[in-house]
């Protein structure tokens, strides 16, 4: 995946940058998951969708009420 596509995917799936003790992380405010970026080797590919916890609204939405947040964002982007 190209760098710009990777950054877009990370943002689209709700990850925010975080720094703890000089270590760079990605954090999700919904499922409280933190991904330690230093654990990934250059040949590893971070999958921003799979890194969320099973109950995260970014991925699963609220059953019978609303679609996942990333799908709502994609729909809004397509409209513009």
N, C-alpha and C. Protein backbone atom coordinates (compact mmCIF):
# COMPACT_ATOMS: atom_id res chain seq x y z
N UNK A 1 0.86 -1.17 0.00
CA UNK A 1 0.00 0.00 0.00
C UNK A 1 0.90 1.24 0.00
N UNK A 2 0.55 2.20 -0.80
CA UNK A 2 1.31 3.44 -0.88
C UNK A 2 1.14 4.24 0.42
N UNK A 3 2.09 5.12 0.68
CA UNK A 3 2.08 5.88 1.93
C UNK A 3 0.81 6.72 2.07
N UNK A 4 0.42 7.45 1.02
CA UNK A 4 -0.78 8.29 1.11
C UNK A 4 -2.03 7.45 1.32
N UNK A 5 -2.11 6.30 0.67
CA UNK A 5 -3.25 5.41 0.86
C UNK A 5 -3.28 4.86 2.28
N UNK A 6 -2.11 4.55 2.81
CA UNK A 6 -2.03 4.04 4.19
C UNK A 6 -2.51 5.09 5.19
N UNK A 7 -2.08 6.32 5.00
CA UNK A 7 -2.50 7.40 5.90
C UNK A 7 -4.00 7.61 5.81
N UNK A 8 -4.54 7.59 4.60
CA UNK A 8 -5.99 7.76 4.41
C UNK A 8 -6.75 6.62 5.09
N UNK A 9 -6.28 5.38 4.93
CA UNK A 9 -6.95 4.23 5.55
C UNK A 9 -6.91 4.32 7.07
N UNK A 10 -5.79 4.72 7.61
CA UNK A 10 -5.67 4.87 9.07
C UNK A 10 -6.66 5.92 9.58
N UNK A 11 -6.75 7.04 8.89
CA UNK A 11 -7.68 8.10 9.29
C UNK A 11 -9.13 7.67 9.10
N UNK A 12 -9.42 7.02 7.98
CA UNK A 12 -10.78 6.59 7.68
C UNK A 12 -11.31 5.61 8.72
N UNK A 13 -10.43 4.80 9.26
CA UNK A 13 -10.85 3.82 10.27
C UNK A 13 -10.72 4.34 11.69
N UNK A 14 -10.57 5.67 11.84
CA UNK A 14 -10.70 6.30 13.15
C UNK A 14 -9.48 6.32 14.04
N UNK A 15 -8.33 5.99 13.52
CA UNK A 15 -7.12 5.98 14.34
C UNK A 15 -6.55 7.38 14.47
N UNK A 16 -6.11 7.70 15.68
CA UNK A 16 -5.47 8.98 15.96
C UNK A 16 -4.06 8.73 16.48
N UNK A 17 -3.13 9.62 16.13
CA UNK A 17 -1.77 9.44 16.64
C UNK A 17 -1.70 9.73 18.13
N UNK A 18 -0.86 9.00 18.81
CA UNK A 18 -0.67 9.18 20.24
C UNK A 18 0.80 8.92 20.55
N UNK A 19 1.29 9.59 21.56
CA UNK A 19 2.68 9.42 21.96
C UNK A 19 2.75 9.21 23.47
N UNK A 20 3.37 8.12 23.88
CA UNK A 20 3.55 7.81 25.30
C UNK A 20 5.02 7.46 25.52
N UNK A 21 5.68 8.20 26.39
CA UNK A 21 7.09 7.95 26.68
C UNK A 21 7.94 7.86 25.41
N UNK A 22 7.75 8.80 24.53
CA UNK A 22 8.52 8.88 23.28
C UNK A 22 8.23 7.72 22.32
N UNK A 23 7.18 6.95 22.58
CA UNK A 23 6.79 5.86 21.70
C UNK A 23 5.56 6.29 20.90
N UNK A 24 5.56 5.98 19.61
CA UNK A 24 4.45 6.35 18.74
C UNK A 24 3.42 5.22 18.68
N UNK A 25 2.17 5.62 18.87
CA UNK A 25 1.05 4.68 18.86
C UNK A 25 -0.06 5.21 17.98
N UNK A 26 -0.97 4.32 17.62
CA UNK A 26 -2.25 4.71 17.05
C UNK A 26 -3.30 4.35 18.09
N UNK A 27 -4.30 5.21 18.27
CA UNK A 27 -5.30 4.97 19.31
C UNK A 27 -6.70 5.17 18.75
N UNK A 28 -7.63 4.35 19.22
CA UNK A 28 -9.04 4.48 18.86
C UNK A 28 -9.80 4.93 20.11
N UNK A 29 -10.55 6.01 19.99
CA UNK A 29 -11.31 6.53 21.12
C UNK A 29 -12.55 5.72 21.44
N UNK A 30 -13.04 4.91 20.51
CA UNK A 30 -14.24 4.12 20.77
C UNK A 30 -13.93 2.82 21.50
N UNK A 31 -13.00 2.04 20.97
CA UNK A 31 -12.73 0.74 21.59
C UNK A 31 -11.53 0.77 22.53
N UNK A 32 -10.89 1.95 22.66
CA UNK A 32 -9.76 2.13 23.56
C UNK A 32 -8.56 1.25 23.20
N UNK A 33 -8.49 0.83 21.95
CA UNK A 33 -7.35 0.02 21.49
C UNK A 33 -6.20 0.93 21.15
N UNK A 34 -5.00 0.48 21.50
CA UNK A 34 -3.76 1.19 21.13
C UNK A 34 -2.89 0.23 20.35
N UNK A 35 -2.34 0.70 19.26
CA UNK A 35 -1.47 -0.11 18.42
C UNK A 35 -0.06 0.45 18.51
N UNK A 36 0.87 -0.37 18.94
CA UNK A 36 2.27 0.03 19.07
C UNK A 36 2.95 -0.07 17.71
N UNK A 37 3.27 1.06 17.12
CA UNK A 37 3.82 1.07 15.78
C UNK A 37 5.22 0.47 15.71
N UNK A 38 5.96 0.50 16.80
CA UNK A 38 7.32 -0.04 16.77
C UNK A 38 7.34 -1.57 16.65
N UNK A 39 6.20 -2.21 16.86
CA UNK A 39 6.14 -3.66 16.74
C UNK A 39 6.04 -4.13 15.29
N UNK A 40 5.75 -3.20 14.38
CA UNK A 40 5.61 -3.55 12.98
C UNK A 40 6.93 -3.39 12.26
N UNK A 41 7.32 -4.40 11.51
CA UNK A 41 8.52 -4.33 10.69
C UNK A 41 8.14 -3.67 9.37
N UNK A 42 9.13 -3.13 8.65
CA UNK A 42 8.81 -2.47 7.38
C UNK A 42 8.04 -3.35 6.39
N UNK A 43 8.29 -4.65 6.41
CA UNK A 43 7.60 -5.54 5.47
C UNK A 43 6.19 -5.92 5.95
N UNK A 44 5.89 -5.66 7.22
CA UNK A 44 4.54 -5.94 7.74
C UNK A 44 3.58 -4.86 7.27
N UNK A 45 2.36 -5.26 7.03
CA UNK A 45 1.35 -4.29 6.63
C UNK A 45 0.31 -4.14 7.74
N UNK A 46 0.15 -2.94 8.22
CA UNK A 46 -0.84 -2.64 9.24
C UNK A 46 -2.22 -2.62 8.59
N UNK A 47 -3.14 -3.40 9.13
CA UNK A 47 -4.51 -3.40 8.63
C UNK A 47 -5.35 -2.60 9.62
N UNK A 48 -5.68 -1.35 9.28
CA UNK A 48 -6.38 -0.49 10.25
C UNK A 48 -7.78 -0.98 10.61
N UNK A 49 -8.38 -1.79 9.79
CA UNK A 49 -9.70 -2.32 10.11
C UNK A 49 -9.60 -3.46 11.12
N UNK A 50 -8.68 -4.38 10.91
CA UNK A 50 -8.55 -5.55 11.80
C UNK A 50 -7.99 -5.22 13.17
N UNK A 51 -7.33 -4.10 13.32
CA UNK A 51 -6.71 -3.76 14.60
C UNK A 51 -7.71 -3.29 15.66
N UNK A 52 -8.93 -2.95 15.25
CA UNK A 52 -9.96 -2.55 16.22
C UNK A 52 -10.45 -3.77 17.00
N UNK A 53 -10.98 -3.52 18.17
CA UNK A 53 -11.59 -4.59 18.96
C UNK A 53 -12.94 -4.97 18.36
N UNK A 54 -13.42 -6.15 18.70
CA UNK A 54 -14.62 -6.71 18.07
C UNK A 54 -15.86 -5.85 18.26
N UNK A 55 -15.92 -5.04 19.29
CA UNK A 55 -17.12 -4.26 19.59
C UNK A 55 -17.04 -2.81 19.11
N UNK A 56 -16.01 -2.46 18.38
CA UNK A 56 -15.79 -1.06 18.03
C UNK A 56 -16.83 -0.51 17.05
N UNK A 57 -17.35 0.68 17.36
CA UNK A 57 -18.35 1.31 16.51
C UNK A 57 -17.80 1.69 15.13
N UNK A 58 -16.50 1.92 15.05
CA UNK A 58 -15.89 2.26 13.76
C UNK A 58 -16.08 1.12 12.77
N UNK A 59 -16.09 -0.09 13.26
CA UNK A 59 -16.16 -1.26 12.38
C UNK A 59 -17.55 -1.86 12.32
N UNK A 60 -18.24 -1.95 13.43
CA UNK A 60 -19.51 -2.68 13.48
C UNK A 60 -20.74 -1.81 13.62
N UNK A 61 -20.59 -0.55 13.93
CA UNK A 61 -21.75 0.32 14.10
C UNK A 61 -22.60 -0.12 15.28
N UNK A 62 -23.83 0.36 15.29
CA UNK A 62 -24.78 -0.03 16.32
C UNK A 62 -25.81 -0.92 15.63
N UNK A 63 -25.83 -2.21 15.94
CA UNK A 63 -26.74 -3.12 15.25
C UNK A 63 -28.18 -2.61 15.22
N UNK A 64 -28.79 -2.67 14.06
CA UNK A 64 -30.18 -2.27 13.80
C UNK A 64 -30.41 -0.76 13.91
N UNK A 65 -29.35 0.03 14.13
CA UNK A 65 -29.53 1.47 14.27
C UNK A 65 -28.70 2.27 13.27
N UNK A 66 -27.44 1.96 13.16
CA UNK A 66 -26.59 2.72 12.25
C UNK A 66 -25.46 1.85 11.71
N UNK A 67 -25.02 2.17 10.50
CA UNK A 67 -23.90 1.41 9.93
C UNK A 67 -22.60 1.81 10.61
N UNK A 68 -21.53 1.06 10.35
CA UNK A 68 -20.23 1.42 10.92
C UNK A 68 -19.84 2.85 10.54
N UNK A 69 -19.08 3.49 11.39
CA UNK A 69 -18.69 4.88 11.18
C UNK A 69 -17.92 5.05 9.87
N UNK A 70 -17.01 4.10 9.55
CA UNK A 70 -16.23 4.26 8.32
C UNK A 70 -17.13 4.24 7.09
N UNK A 71 -18.21 3.47 7.11
CA UNK A 71 -19.14 3.45 5.98
C UNK A 71 -19.90 4.78 5.86
N UNK A 72 -20.25 5.36 6.99
CA UNK A 72 -20.92 6.66 6.98
C UNK A 72 -19.99 7.73 6.38
N UNK A 73 -18.71 7.68 6.77
CA UNK A 73 -17.75 8.65 6.22
C UNK A 73 -17.58 8.47 4.71
N UNK A 74 -17.47 7.24 4.28
CA UNK A 74 -17.33 6.97 2.83
C UNK A 74 -18.53 7.50 2.06
N UNK A 75 -19.72 7.31 2.59
CA UNK A 75 -20.93 7.80 1.93
C UNK A 75 -20.91 9.32 1.84
N UNK A 76 -20.47 9.99 2.90
CA UNK A 76 -20.38 11.47 2.89
C UNK A 76 -19.34 11.94 1.89
N UNK A 77 -18.23 11.25 1.79
CA UNK A 77 -17.18 11.63 0.83
C UNK A 77 -17.67 11.47 -0.61
N UNK A 78 -18.42 10.41 -0.89
CA UNK A 78 -18.93 10.17 -2.23
C UNK A 78 -19.93 11.25 -2.65
N UNK A 79 -20.70 11.76 -1.69
CA UNK A 79 -21.68 12.80 -1.99
C UNK A 79 -21.02 14.10 -2.40
N UNK A 80 -19.83 14.36 -1.88
CA UNK A 80 -19.14 15.62 -2.16
C UNK A 80 -18.27 15.45 -3.33
